[in-house]
Amino acid sequence: MYETIDCTIFYIYNEIMKNKNRTRSYPVVQVLSKTVYLAIPVIILFIVVSWFSFSEIRKQNNLAVENTVGIYQNELEHRLSAITHFVQWTVVHDPILDAFTVQNHMGDYRKASNELRLRVSDMQYSTGNEYQYFFYWDEKDIFFNASEINVDYDTYKEIKEKIRSDVSFRTAPEGNFSWKPCIFKEKEFLYYTITYKHRTFACLVSMEDILSPLSSLNLGEYGAISAISETGEVFYKTKKGPAGIINSVYNRLYFPGSTSGLPFSLAIDSRVLGNYGKLFVLQVIVFLAALMLSFIMGGYILVSYKKVILPIKMFSKSLSEMDSVSDGDGLDLTDSKIQELNQINEQFKNLIHEITRLRIDIYEAELDKNKFLIHFLQQQIKPHFYLNCLTTVDSMVSLGDIDAAKKMLMFTSKYFRYLFQVDMNFVPLANELQHIEDYLSIQNMRLSRPTLFEADIPREFNELSVPPLLLITFVENSVKHAVPRDGDSLKVTLKCSMMNEDAVEITITDNGEGFPRDVLNKIKNGEDIVEDGNHIGITNCIKRLKLLYGDNFRLLADNVRPRGARISLRIPVRNEV
């Protein structure tokens, strides 16, 4: 081995001395090819040793994870089985619950509930306080927690409604009962319930608490544990998990719930490089291989630096100064040591002349195109309901309702005046809000159904610059398509909040039936949603936003609970029109 290194060093020294006084040009390919040929055997050795080390580490790491998870699954299966038996026996056989009959009074119920809590407390001593218990008696609609609550009040209300709604599906203890994944307030839980003689007993535990014993596993920075339901869906994940190139150094292990008796399967992404295995010898081999490669490459880099790297640095420096040069005559990309740089010098100068001339023409043409499209889209919005307003005024005059006709003409004139005077790309937010109020005043006089409008806008946002006729498009969409419940009035709410110093978010919400699913999907995917002339305003708004802001905006559409549609628009802050 040492003789080989001595011969290699001697060869490099001779090559340096032979080429010391040469002044002819060297092609870059020729210089780099010698480096590659010399490095190939060292790289192959390094790859073989690294792969062997990688395989051993992976095997040891996987074995440690499998042993830990096996112990965890066995203990969790026994715990869930014990809880299942406890819940079933309590609701069917426990005499404590016999007090919940229509013949008894509230004092009996309170006494029985306290005794049930004591029974549950004894059970929690062996299973853990993270398992929460709830009792519901549907004959008198009595619901209470049989254990200490570890959730907030909103989550508690959702659990209560869930248990109530499930009563009709749990009418006999011999039914198909099992632990099911469930989500309350965007938090994942395991849920078990049984109903017998109008008495329902349920147990709930969060997936975070369920998987907490596995937190001691050394999974790496991006390691994650995923819980998979019986349908194959991932309903809980401790972390986002590895992605992209990072995924190549992580290994996935799958632990099916069918073999462990658990109601869910586990998928664990763990870092392949752990602290297990025979690493000492492998690290020494890898170090020696890397050291040998460093010596070989270091000697050759001494030659390559003068012949290749320095000329390329000069070439790169000249390119970086291109913006400060008006034409290609001031650039010097030549170097007597690199033939390739000499060959492209003249061609590059010619290209600079063409680029300087064309980039100005292209920029001006694109600017004119964008201005034309913006004005075209604005004009497409303006003639929205001219004839309807005039027809309404004519009807009022014909019926003799002169006062209403005067109000209608006043609101209509203000509405039209704003449309005809807006010829800018941005206007103050206060002007847009006034325009929306004029529009709703017209609609309230035209339609039998009143529309309520509420604007929650801080005073400092009044001068905020927004595109004209943009927000009213979403208000018009609510008036046209939002249908509130019987007896309710349509309500449109507009809010404005500062996300950060550079962006503001405007939210428009109504209490109608919400967007159809196909419209939400098209808005999310950026598709054209025009159907039979409908939603053309939303389509134009999206086009205008892209022209005005490029990709520096965000438009989200979704439905809110219990009903209603919501548009969330985030745009950059502009304080000048």
Protein backbone atom coordinates (compact mmCIF):
# COMPACT_ATOMS: atom_id res chain seq x y z
CA MET A 1 0.00 0.00 0.00
CA TYR A 2 2.79 2.45 0.96
CA GLU A 3 4.69 1.61 -2.23
CA THR A 4 1.60 2.51 -4.26
CA ILE A 5 1.32 5.88 -2.51
CA ASP A 6 5.03 6.61 -3.06
CA CYS A 7 4.71 5.80 -6.79
CA THR A 8 1.64 8.04 -7.06
CA ILE A 9 3.39 10.98 -5.36
CA PHE A 10 6.44 10.48 -7.60
CA TYR A 11 4.18 10.49 -10.68
CA ILE A 12 2.46 13.71 -9.59
CA TYR A 13 5.84 15.38 -8.94
CA ASN A 14 7.12 14.47 -12.42
CA GLU A 15 3.94 15.77 -14.03
CA ILE A 16 4.30 19.08 -12.18
CA MET A 17 7.92 19.50 -13.27
CA LYS A 18 7.12 18.62 -16.91
CA ASN A 19 4.27 21.16 -17.12
CA LYS A 20 5.95 23.90 -15.11
CA ASN A 21 7.29 25.92 -18.06
CA ARG A 22 4.56 25.12 -20.57
CA THR A 23 2.65 28.16 -21.84
CA ARG A 24 0.28 26.55 -24.34
CA SER A 25 -3.48 26.46 -23.65
CA TYR A 26 -5.08 23.45 -21.94
CA PRO A 27 -8.72 22.40 -22.54
CA VAL A 28 -10.74 22.12 -19.34
CA VAL A 29 -11.94 18.62 -20.26
CA GLN A 30 -8.34 17.36 -20.50
CA VAL A 31 -7.41 18.72 -17.06
CA LEU A 32 -10.51 17.36 -15.34
CA SER A 33 -10.36 13.93 -17.03
CA LYS A 34 -7.01 13.19 -15.42
CA THR A 35 -8.47 14.00 -12.01
CA VAL A 36 -11.46 11.71 -12.60
CA TYR A 37 -9.38 8.75 -13.79
CA LEU A 38 -7.16 9.00 -10.72
CA ALA A 39 -10.09 9.28 -8.29
CA ILE A 40 -12.23 6.42 -9.66
CA PRO A 41 -10.60 3.48 -7.76
CA VAL A 42 -10.55 5.44 -4.50
CA ILE A 43 -14.21 6.40 -4.90
CA ILE A 44 -15.20 2.78 -5.61
CA LEU A 45 -13.46 1.60 -2.45
CA PHE A 46 -15.11 4.33 -0.45
CA ILE A 47 -18.58 3.41 -1.79
CA VAL A 48 -18.14 -0.30 -0.98
CA VAL A 49 -17.00 0.35 2.58
CA SER A 50 -19.71 2.96 3.14
CA TRP A 51 -22.44 0.63 1.88
CA PHE A 52 -21.33 -2.17 4.18
CA SER A 53 -21.27 0.22 7.13
CA PHE A 54 -24.67 1.59 6.16
CA SER A 55 -26.22 -1.91 6.02
CA GLU A 56 -24.90 -2.91 9.45
CA ILE A 57 -26.08 0.29 11.09
CA ARG A 58 -29.50 -0.02 9.49
CA LYS A 59 -29.90 -3.60 10.66
CA GLN A 60 -28.99 -2.78 14.26
CA ASN A 61 -31.14 0.34 14.36
CA ASN A 62 -34.21 -1.46 12.95
CA LEU A 63 -33.79 -4.29 15.43
CA ALA A 64 -33.73 -1.87 18.36
CA VAL A 65 -36.86 -0.07 17.11
CA GLU A 66 -38.71 -3.36 16.52
CA ASN A 67 -37.95 -4.62 20.03
CA THR A 68 -39.10 -1.38 21.65
CA VAL A 69 -42.30 -1.17 19.60
CA GLY A 70 -43.09 -4.83 20.26
CA ILE A 71 -42.96 -4.28 24.02
CA TYR A 72 -45.04 -1.10 23.65
CA GLN A 73 -47.72 -2.80 21.51
CA ASN A 74 -48.04 -5.73 23.91
CA GLU A 75 -48.45 -3.44 26.93
CA LEU A 76 -50.91 -1.13 25.11
CA GLU A 77 -53.01 -4.09 23.91
CA HIS A 78 -53.37 -5.37 27.50
CA ARG A 79 -54.28 -1.88 28.70
CA LEU A 80 -56.94 -1.30 26.02
CA SER A 81 -58.37 -4.78 26.63
CA ALA A 82 -58.64 -4.05 30.35
CA ILE A 83 -60.39 -0.75 29.70
CA THR A 84 -62.75 -2.39 27.19
CA HIS A 85 -63.70 -5.05 29.73
CA PHE A 86 -64.13 -2.42 32.46
CA VAL A 87 -66.42 -0.24 30.30
CA GLN A 88 -68.52 -3.21 29.17
CA TRP A 89 -68.87 -4.72 32.67
CA THR A 90 -69.69 -1.36 34.24
CA VAL A 91 -72.48 -0.42 31.84
CA VAL A 92 -74.05 -3.93 31.87
CA HIS A 93 -73.47 -5.37 35.37
CA ASP A 94 -72.43 -2.61 37.78
CA PRO A 95 -75.31 -1.98 40.27
CA ILE A 96 -74.16 1.63 40.63
CA LEU A 97 -75.81 2.49 37.30
CA ASP A 98 -79.15 0.95 38.40
CA ALA A 99 -79.83 4.25 40.16
CA PHE A 100 -80.34 5.92 36.76
CA THR A 101 -84.03 5.15 36.41
CA VAL A 102 -86.94 7.50 35.85
CA GLN A 103 -88.38 6.63 39.29
CA ASN A 104 -85.41 8.10 41.18
CA HIS A 105 -84.68 11.76 41.81
CA MET A 106 -81.65 14.02 41.23
CA GLY A 107 -80.10 13.21 44.60
CA ASP A 108 -79.92 9.54 43.67
CA TYR A 109 -78.32 10.43 40.38
CA ARG A 110 -75.72 12.62 42.06
CA LYS A 111 -74.83 9.91 44.54
CA ALA A 112 -74.51 7.29 41.80
CA SER A 113 -72.31 9.62 39.71
CA ASN A 114 -69.93 10.14 42.68
CA GLU A 115 -69.68 6.39 43.24
CA LEU A 116 -68.99 5.87 39.52
CA ARG A 117 -66.19 8.45 39.68
CA LEU A 118 -64.60 6.56 42.57
CA ARG A 119 -64.79 3.33 40.57
CA VAL A 120 -63.19 5.03 37.56
CA SER A 121 -60.49 6.59 39.75
CA ASP A 122 -59.49 3.11 40.94
CA MET A 123 -59.33 1.97 37.32
CA GLN A 124 -57.18 4.96 36.33
CA TYR A 125 -54.68 4.04 39.02
CA SER A 126 -53.68 1.00 36.94
CA THR A 127 -54.29 2.27 33.41
CA GLY A 128 -53.30 5.94 33.66
CA ASN A 129 -55.03 9.32 34.05
CA GLU A 130 -54.81 10.03 30.32
CA TYR A 131 -57.84 7.78 29.75
CA GLN A 132 -60.96 9.90 30.26
CA TYR A 133 -64.43 8.49 30.95
CA PHE A 134 -67.88 9.94 30.22
CA PHE A 135 -71.40 8.77 31.10
CA TYR A 136 -74.67 9.63 29.33
CA TRP A 137 -78.25 8.66 30.22
CA ASP A 138 -80.50 9.51 27.27
CA GLU A 139 -83.86 9.09 29.07
CA LYS A 140 -83.22 12.19 31.18
CA ASP A 141 -80.45 13.63 28.96
CA ILE A 142 -77.93 13.49 31.81
CA PHE A 143 -74.27 13.75 30.76
CA PHE A 144 -71.22 14.05 33.00
CA ASN A 145 -67.54 13.21 33.06
CA ALA A 146 -66.70 10.17 35.16
CA SER A 147 -63.04 11.16 35.44
CA GLU A 148 -60.90 14.28 35.59
CA ILE A 149 -61.15 16.27 32.33
CA ASN A 150 -57.89 16.83 30.45
CA VAL A 151 -59.41 18.80 27.55
CA ASP A 152 -60.68 22.37 27.12
CA TYR A 153 -64.35 23.25 27.26
CA ASP A 154 -64.89 23.47 23.49
CA THR A 155 -63.48 19.99 23.06
CA TYR A 156 -65.64 18.77 25.94
CA LYS A 157 -68.76 20.05 24.13
CA GLU A 158 -67.80 18.25 20.92
CA ILE A 159 -67.26 15.02 22.86
CA LYS A 160 -70.67 15.42 24.44
CA GLU A 161 -72.37 15.89 21.07
CA LYS A 162 -70.47 12.92 19.62
CA ILE A 163 -71.61 10.58 22.40
CA ARG A 164 -75.18 11.81 22.08
CA SER A 165 -75.21 11.23 18.34
CA ASP A 166 -73.75 7.73 18.70
CA VAL A 167 -76.41 6.52 21.14
CA SER A 168 -78.73 5.33 18.34
CA PHE A 169 -75.94 3.12 17.00
CA ARG A 170 -75.08 1.53 20.33
CA THR A 171 -78.27 -0.23 21.47
CA ALA A 172 -76.91 -3.61 22.65
CA PRO A 173 -73.67 -4.73 24.31
CA GLU A 174 -73.28 -7.65 21.92
CA GLY A 175 -72.86 -5.27 18.96
CA ASN A 176 -69.63 -4.68 17.06
CA PHE A 177 -67.83 -2.33 19.43
CA SER A 178 -64.19 -1.35 18.98
CA TRP A 179 -61.81 1.54 19.48
CA LYS A 180 -62.23 4.11 16.71
CA PRO A 181 -60.14 7.12 15.71
CA CYS A 182 -61.94 10.41 16.18
CA ILE A 183 -61.04 14.11 15.86
CA PHE A 184 -62.20 16.80 18.28
CA LYS A 185 -61.05 20.38 17.73
CA GLU A 186 -58.38 19.27 15.26
CA LYS A 187 -56.89 16.89 17.83
CA GLU A 188 -56.85 13.12 17.32
CA PHE A 189 -58.29 10.67 19.87
CA LEU A 190 -59.11 6.98 20.29
CA TYR A 191 -62.75 6.56 21.24
CA TYR A 192 -64.66 3.61 22.72
CA THR A 193 -68.34 3.59 23.75
CA ILE A 194 -71.11 1.15 24.61
CA THR A 195 -74.83 1.67 25.29
CA TYR A 196 -77.03 -0.59 27.39
CA LYS A 197 -80.57 0.15 28.62
CA HIS A 198 -80.30 3.82 27.66
CA ARG A 199 -77.02 4.13 29.60
CA THR A 200 -73.89 4.98 27.62
CA PHE A 201 -70.36 4.67 28.99
CA ALA A 202 -67.43 5.95 26.90
CA CYS A 203 -63.63 6.14 27.18
CA LEU A 204 -61.46 8.64 25.32
CA VAL A 205 -57.70 9.04 25.06
CA SER A 206 -55.62 11.36 22.86
CA MET A 207 -53.21 9.86 20.35
CA GLU A 208 -50.49 12.11 21.74
CA ASP A 209 -50.78 10.37 25.10
CA ILE A 210 -51.11 6.95 23.46
CA LEU A 211 -47.82 7.33 21.59
CA SER A 212 -45.93 9.17 24.33
CA PRO A 213 -44.12 5.98 25.54
CA LEU A 214 -42.41 5.83 22.13
CA SER A 215 -40.95 9.32 22.52
CA SER A 216 -37.79 7.77 23.95
CA LEU A 217 -36.93 6.26 20.56
CA ASN A 218 -34.01 7.95 18.84
CA LEU A 219 -35.68 8.53 15.47
CA GLY A 220 -33.61 11.49 14.32
CA GLU A 221 -34.50 15.12 13.67
CA TYR A 222 -37.12 14.30 11.03
CA GLY A 223 -38.21 10.96 12.49
CA ALA A 224 -41.96 10.50 12.80
CA ILE A 225 -44.51 8.00 14.11
CA SER A 226 -47.72 7.61 12.09
CA ALA A 227 -50.94 5.98 13.31
CA ILE A 228 -52.91 4.31 10.50
CA SER A 229 -56.58 3.38 10.82
CA GLU A 230 -58.13 0.10 9.71
CA THR A 231 -59.12 1.77 6.42
CA GLY A 232 -55.48 2.61 5.65
CA GLU A 233 -55.69 6.34 6.38
CA VAL A 234 -53.06 8.17 8.42
CA PHE A 235 -55.08 9.91 11.15
CA TYR A 236 -52.21 10.99 13.43
CA LYS A 237 -48.55 11.85 12.93
CA THR A 238 -46.06 13.05 15.53
CA LYS A 239 -44.09 15.08 12.98
CA LYS A 240 -44.24 15.98 9.33
CA GLY A 241 -41.63 13.31 8.61
CA PRO A 242 -38.73 13.16 6.17
CA ALA A 243 -39.23 14.41 2.62
CA GLY A 244 -37.18 14.90 -0.50
CA ILE A 245 -33.53 13.98 -0.37
CA ILE A 246 -33.68 13.63 3.43
CA ASN A 247 -35.95 10.62 2.97
CA SER A 248 -33.00 8.63 1.58
CA VAL A 249 -31.33 8.49 5.02
CA TYR A 250 -34.52 7.44 6.81
CA ASN A 251 -36.06 4.00 7.01
CA ARG A 252 -39.77 3.14 7.37
CA LEU A 253 -40.90 0.24 9.55
CA TYR A 254 -44.52 -0.95 9.49
CA PHE A 255 -46.24 -2.62 12.45
CA PRO A 256 -49.74 -3.84 11.51
CA GLY A 257 -52.42 -3.58 14.16
CA SER A 258 -53.95 -6.92 13.13
CA THR A 259 -50.97 -8.86 14.48
CA SER A 260 -50.71 -6.89 17.73
CA GLY A 261 -54.44 -6.71 18.53
CA LEU A 262 -54.44 -2.90 18.41
CA PRO A 263 -57.12 -0.81 16.66
CA PHE A 264 -54.46 0.97 14.57
CA SER A 265 -51.21 0.21 12.78
CA LEU A 266 -47.90 2.02 13.22
CA ALA A 267 -45.50 3.33 10.60
CA ILE A 268 -42.21 4.61 12.02
CA ASP A 269 -39.71 6.68 10.05
CA SER A 270 -36.35 6.40 11.81
CA ARG A 271 -32.90 7.63 10.89
CA VAL A 272 -30.81 4.80 9.46
CA LEU A 273 -27.60 6.07 11.05
CA GLY A 274 -28.02 5.26 14.73
CA ASN A 275 -25.72 4.50 17.63
CA TYR A 276 -25.77 0.74 17.21
CA GLY A 277 -23.63 -1.82 15.44
CA LYS A 278 -20.01 -2.42 14.75
CA LEU A 279 -19.03 1.11 13.95
CA PHE A 280 -15.46 1.38 15.16
CA VAL A 281 -13.79 -0.75 12.48
CA LEU A 282 -16.01 0.67 9.76
CA GLN A 283 -15.23 4.25 10.75
CA VAL A 284 -11.49 3.53 10.66
CA ILE A 285 -11.76 2.07 7.16
CA VAL A 286 -13.85 4.99 5.94
CA PHE A 287 -11.38 7.46 7.48
CA LEU A 288 -8.37 5.80 5.82
CA ALA A 289 -10.14 5.74 2.45
CA ALA A 290 -11.06 9.42 2.76
CA LEU A 291 -7.51 10.29 3.88
CA MET A 292 -5.97 8.49 0.90
CA LEU A 293 -8.34 10.26 -1.47
CA SER A 294 -7.44 13.61 0.11
CA PHE A 295 -3.71 13.09 -0.45
CA ILE A 296 -4.17 12.05 -4.06
CA MET A 297 -6.61 14.81 -4.89
CA GLY A 298 -4.62 17.41 -2.99
CA GLY A 299 -1.50 16.91 -5.10
CA TYR A 300 -3.42 17.13 -8.32
CA ILE A 301 -5.39 20.18 -7.21
CA LEU A 302 -2.10 22.07 -6.89
CA VAL A 303 -1.69 21.68 -10.63
CA SER A 304 -5.34 22.23 -11.48
CA TYR A 305 -5.53 25.44 -9.48
CA LYS A 306 -3.11 27.32 -11.69
CA LYS A 307 -4.26 25.80 -14.97
CA VAL A 308 -8.03 25.79 -14.41
CA ILE A 309 -9.36 27.47 -11.28
CA LEU A 310 -7.61 30.82 -11.61
CA PRO A 311 -8.70 31.37 -15.24
CA ILE A 312 -12.26 30.39 -14.34
CA LYS A 313 -12.25 32.90 -11.46
CA MET A 314 -11.26 35.62 -13.88
CA PHE A 315 -14.00 34.51 -16.22
CA SER A 316 -16.57 34.56 -13.38
CA LYS A 317 -15.45 38.02 -12.25
CA SER A 318 -15.94 39.39 -15.74
CA LEU A 319 -19.44 37.91 -15.90
CA SER A 320 -20.37 39.44 -12.54
CA GLU A 321 -19.47 42.89 -13.90
CA MET A 322 -21.74 42.52 -16.93
CA ASP A 323 -24.57 44.64 -15.45
CA SER A 324 -22.24 47.65 -15.06
CA VAL A 325 -21.16 47.50 -18.71
CA SER A 326 -23.37 49.08 -21.34
CA ASP A 327 -22.23 46.77 -24.13
CA GLY A 328 -19.95 43.81 -24.70
CA ASP A 329 -16.89 45.84 -25.70
CA GLY A 330 -15.92 46.45 -22.08
CA LEU A 331 -15.87 42.75 -21.17
CA ASP A 332 -12.68 40.73 -21.29
CA LEU A 333 -13.34 36.97 -21.01
CA THR A 334 -10.15 35.73 -22.61
CA ASP A 335 -7.35 33.80 -20.98
CA SER A 336 -4.34 32.25 -22.69
CA LYS A 337 -4.46 29.12 -20.49
CA ILE A 338 -8.01 27.92 -21.31
CA GLN A 339 -8.93 27.30 -24.92
CA GLU A 340 -12.69 27.16 -24.23
CA LEU A 341 -12.73 30.71 -22.83
CA ASN A 342 -10.94 32.05 -25.87
CA GLN A 343 -13.45 30.41 -28.19
CA ILE A 344 -16.57 31.83 -26.57
CA ASN A 345 -15.26 35.36 -26.09
CA GLU A 346 -16.38 36.83 -29.41
CA GLN A 347 -19.71 34.99 -29.39
CA PHE A 348 -20.46 36.23 -25.90
CA LYS A 349 -19.83 39.87 -26.85
CA ASN A 350 -22.28 39.55 -29.73
CA LEU A 351 -24.90 38.03 -27.45
CA ILE A 352 -24.61 40.92 -24.99
CA HIS A 353 -25.43 43.40 -27.76
CA GLU A 354 -28.58 41.45 -28.64
CA ILE A 355 -29.65 40.95 -25.01
CA THR A 356 -29.29 44.66 -24.22
CA ARG A 357 -31.53 45.58 -27.13
CA LEU A 358 -34.16 42.86 -26.70
CA ARG A 359 -34.69 43.01 -22.94
CA ILE A 360 -35.89 46.63 -23.14
CA ASP A 361 -38.33 45.82 -25.95
CA ILE A 362 -39.69 42.76 -24.16
CA TYR A 363 -40.13 44.61 -20.88
CA GLU A 364 -42.04 47.48 -22.49
CA ALA A 365 -44.27 45.09 -24.47
CA GLU A 366 -45.09 43.03 -21.37
CA LEU A 367 -45.87 46.19 -19.39
CA ASP A 368 -48.30 47.42 -22.05
CA LYS A 369 -49.95 43.99 -22.17
CA ASN A 370 -50.49 43.90 -18.40
CA LYS A 371 -51.98 47.40 -18.35
CA PHE A 372 -54.37 46.44 -21.16
CA LEU A 373 -55.48 43.27 -19.37
CA ILE A 374 -56.09 45.09 -16.10
CA HIS A 375 -58.29 47.72 -17.72
CA PHE A 376 -60.10 45.06 -19.74
CA LEU A 377 -60.95 43.05 -16.62
CA GLN A 378 -62.14 46.18 -14.81
CA GLN A 379 -64.43 47.10 -17.68
CA GLN A 380 -65.80 43.56 -17.69
CA ILE A 381 -67.08 44.09 -14.14
CA LYS A 382 -68.73 47.54 -14.56
CA PRO A 383 -71.98 46.82 -16.53
CA HIS A 384 -73.13 44.36 -13.87
CA PHE A 385 -76.72 45.37 -13.19
CA TYR A 386 -77.37 48.71 -14.95
CA LEU A 387 -80.68 47.65 -16.50
CA ASN A 388 -81.98 46.10 -13.27
CA CYS A 389 -81.50 49.37 -11.38
CA LEU A 390 -83.26 51.42 -14.07
CA THR A 391 -86.13 48.93 -14.23
CA THR A 392 -86.57 49.12 -10.45
CA VAL A 393 -86.72 52.92 -10.53
CA ASP A 394 -89.30 52.79 -13.32
CA SER A 395 -91.44 50.36 -11.29
CA MET A 396 -91.31 52.60 -8.20
CA VAL A 397 -92.37 55.65 -10.20
CA SER A 398 -95.19 53.67 -11.84
CA LEU A 399 -96.48 52.58 -8.39
CA GLY A 400 -96.33 56.14 -7.08
CA ASP A 401 -93.60 55.48 -4.53
CA ILE A 402 -91.69 58.69 -5.26
CA ASP A 403 -89.68 58.72 -2.00
CA ALA A 404 -88.39 55.22 -2.64
CA ALA A 405 -87.57 56.13 -6.22
CA LYS A 406 -85.56 59.18 -5.01
CA LYS A 407 -83.56 57.02 -2.59
CA MET A 408 -83.01 54.45 -5.31
CA LEU A 409 -81.77 57.11 -7.74
CA MET A 410 -79.43 58.57 -5.08
CA PHE A 411 -77.86 55.19 -4.28
CA THR A 412 -77.70 54.28 -7.97
CA SER A 413 -76.06 57.57 -8.97
CA LYS A 414 -73.40 57.17 -6.25
CA TYR A 415 -72.82 53.58 -7.34
CA PHE A 416 -72.46 54.48 -11.06
CA ARG A 417 -70.37 57.60 -10.35
CA TYR A 418 -67.81 55.44 -8.54
CA LEU A 419 -67.71 52.95 -11.40
CA PHE A 420 -67.19 55.58 -14.07
CA GLN A 421 -64.54 57.50 -12.10
CA VAL A 422 -62.37 54.53 -11.14
CA ASP A 423 -59.55 54.30 -13.67
CA MET A 424 -56.65 53.52 -11.35
CA ASN A 425 -55.10 50.23 -10.30
CA PHE A 426 -55.48 51.00 -6.57
CA VAL A 427 -57.92 53.00 -4.42
CA PRO A 428 -58.27 53.57 -0.64
CA LEU A 429 -60.06 50.82 1.25
CA ALA A 430 -62.54 53.36 2.69
CA ASN A 431 -63.77 54.16 -0.85
CA GLU A 432 -64.35 50.48 -1.58
CA LEU A 433 -66.33 50.04 1.66
CA GLN A 434 -68.57 53.00 0.79
CA HIS A 435 -69.15 51.50 -2.65
CA ILE A 436 -70.17 48.19 -1.07
CA GLU A 437 -72.66 49.96 1.20
CA ASP A 438 -74.18 51.77 -1.80
CA TYR A 439 -74.53 48.47 -3.63
CA LEU A 440 -76.24 46.76 -0.67
CA SER A 441 -78.58 49.73 -0.24
CA ILE A 442 -79.67 49.27 -3.86
CA GLN A 443 -80.15 45.53 -3.37
CA ASN A 444 -82.15 46.01 -0.17
CA MET A 445 -84.56 48.29 -2.04
CA ARG A 446 -84.80 45.93 -5.03
CA LEU A 447 -85.14 42.65 -3.17
CA SER A 448 -87.63 41.65 -0.49
CA ARG A 449 -84.89 39.92 1.47
CA PRO A 450 -82.74 42.43 3.44
CA THR A 451 -78.97 42.03 3.57
CA LEU A 452 -77.07 42.95 6.73
CA PHE A 453 -73.52 44.22 6.32
CA GLU A 454 -70.94 44.45 9.10
CA ALA A 455 -67.43 45.85 8.55
CA ASP A 456 -64.79 45.32 11.23
CA ILE A 457 -62.09 47.63 9.90
CA PRO A 458 -59.61 49.42 12.20
CA ARG A 459 -59.30 53.12 11.46
CA GLU A 460 -55.66 52.83 10.41
CA PHE A 461 -56.71 50.61 7.46
CA ASN A 462 -58.94 53.24 5.82
CA GLU A 463 -56.10 54.52 3.62
CA LEU A 464 -54.88 51.06 2.71
CA SER A 465 -54.62 50.70 -1.08
CA VAL A 466 -56.62 47.88 -2.69
CA PRO A 467 -57.59 47.12 -6.31
CA PRO A 468 -60.89 48.85 -7.19
CA LEU A 469 -64.07 46.79 -7.66
CA LEU A 470 -62.37 43.76 -6.11
CA LEU A 471 -64.04 43.26 -2.72
CA ILE A 472 -67.52 44.06 -4.04
CA THR A 473 -67.24 41.09 -6.40
CA PHE A 474 -67.28 38.68 -3.47
CA VAL A 475 -70.11 40.60 -1.80
CA GLU A 476 -72.14 40.36 -5.03
CA ASN A 477 -71.45 36.62 -5.10
CA SER A 478 -72.91 36.28 -1.59
CA VAL A 479 -76.02 38.31 -2.51
CA LYS A 480 -76.62 36.21 -5.62
CA HIS A 481 -75.85 32.71 -4.37
CA ALA A 482 -75.99 32.71 -0.55
CA VAL A 483 -79.35 31.42 0.74
CA PRO A 484 -79.70 31.68 4.56
CA ARG A 485 -81.94 29.51 6.66
CA ASP A 486 -85.70 30.12 6.66
CA GLY A 487 -86.50 33.28 8.57
CA ASP A 488 -82.89 34.46 8.74
CA SER A 489 -81.53 37.50 6.96
CA LEU A 490 -78.48 37.32 4.79
CA LYS A 491 -75.48 38.67 6.71
CA VAL A 492 -72.18 39.63 5.12
CA THR A 493 -69.19 40.34 7.36
CA LEU A 494 -65.93 41.97 6.26
CA LYS A 495 -62.86 41.96 8.50
CA CYS A 496 -59.36 43.32 8.01
CA SER A 497 -56.30 42.35 10.05
CA MET A 498 -52.55 42.86 9.78
CA MET A 499 -50.68 39.56 9.30
CA ASN A 500 -47.24 41.15 9.50
CA GLU A 501 -45.64 44.46 8.59
CA ASP A 502 -45.74 43.59 4.87
CA ALA A 503 -49.11 41.83 4.42
CA VAL A 504 -52.75 42.38 5.33
CA GLU A 505 -55.62 39.85 5.27
CA ILE A 506 -59.21 40.73 4.30
CA THR A 507 -61.93 38.17 5.14
CA ILE A 508 -65.49 38.21 3.72
CA THR A 509 -67.99 35.79 5.30
CA ASP A 510 -71.71 35.14 4.78
CA ASN A 511 -74.28 32.87 6.45
CA GLY A 512 -75.53 31.15 3.30
CA GLU A 513 -75.20 27.54 2.22
CA GLY A 514 -71.53 27.90 1.30
CA PHE A 515 -69.59 27.24 -1.88
CA PRO A 516 -70.28 24.05 -3.87
CA ARG A 517 -67.50 21.51 -3.65
CA ASP A 518 -66.59 21.81 -7.34
CA VAL A 519 -66.21 25.60 -7.07
CA LEU A 520 -63.92 25.26 -4.02
CA ASN A 521 -61.75 22.74 -5.86
CA LYS A 522 -61.44 24.99 -8.91
CA ILE A 523 -60.49 28.04 -6.83
CA LYS A 524 -57.94 25.96 -4.91
CA ASN A 525 -56.39 24.61 -8.13
CA GLY A 526 -56.45 28.01 -9.88
CA GLU A 527 -58.85 26.78 -12.58
CA ASP A 528 -61.38 28.85 -14.53
CA ILE A 529 -64.73 28.56 -12.68
CA VAL A 530 -66.98 30.32 -15.21
CA GLU A 531 -70.07 28.15 -15.78
CA ASP A 532 -72.98 29.43 -17.91
CA GLY A 533 -71.92 33.02 -17.18
CA ASN A 534 -71.77 32.49 -13.37
CA HIS A 535 -68.78 33.33 -11.17
CA ILE A 536 -67.14 35.40 -13.92
CA GLY A 537 -66.46 38.09 -11.30
CA ILE A 538 -64.40 35.72 -9.11
CA THR A 539 -62.50 34.49 -12.19
CA ASN A 540 -61.67 38.08 -13.19
CA CYS A 541 -60.59 38.94 -9.65
CA ILE A 542 -58.08 36.11 -9.63
CA LYS A 543 -56.69 37.25 -12.99
CA ARG A 544 -56.42 40.85 -11.80
CA LEU A 545 -54.62 39.80 -8.61
CA LYS A 546 -52.08 37.81 -10.63
CA LEU A 547 -51.44 40.79 -12.91
CA LEU A 548 -51.12 43.28 -10.05
CA TYR A 549 -49.23 41.18 -7.48
CA GLY A 550 -47.77 38.25 -9.42
CA ASP A 551 -47.37 35.40 -6.95
CA ASN A 552 -47.23 37.75 -3.94
CA PHE A 553 -50.86 37.18 -2.85
CA ARG A 554 -53.07 34.39 -1.52
CA LEU A 555 -56.77 33.78 -2.13
CA LEU A 556 -58.47 31.03 -0.12
CA ALA A 557 -62.13 29.96 -0.30
CA ASP A 558 -63.78 27.62 2.17
CA ASN A 559 -67.00 26.95 4.06
CA VAL A 560 -67.47 27.71 7.75
CA ARG A 561 -69.51 25.96 10.40
CA PRO A 562 -72.40 25.64 10.93
CA ARG A 563 -72.97 27.17 7.49
CA GLY A 564 -71.63 29.94 5.33
CA ALA A 565 -68.95 30.79 2.76
CA ARG A 566 -65.67 32.56 3.46
CA ILE A 567 -63.13 34.31 1.24
CA SER A 568 -59.69 35.08 2.74
CA LEU A 569 -57.51 37.44 0.70
CA ARG A 570 -53.92 38.22 1.73
CA ILE A 571 -52.23 41.02 -0.22
CA PRO A 572 -49.10 43.14 0.25
CA VAL A 573 -49.44 46.42 2.14
CA ARG A 574 -49.68 49.56 0.00
CA ASN A 575 -50.28 52.93 1.62
CA GLU A 576 -50.13 54.95 -1.58
CA VAL A 577 -52.75 54.84 -4.33
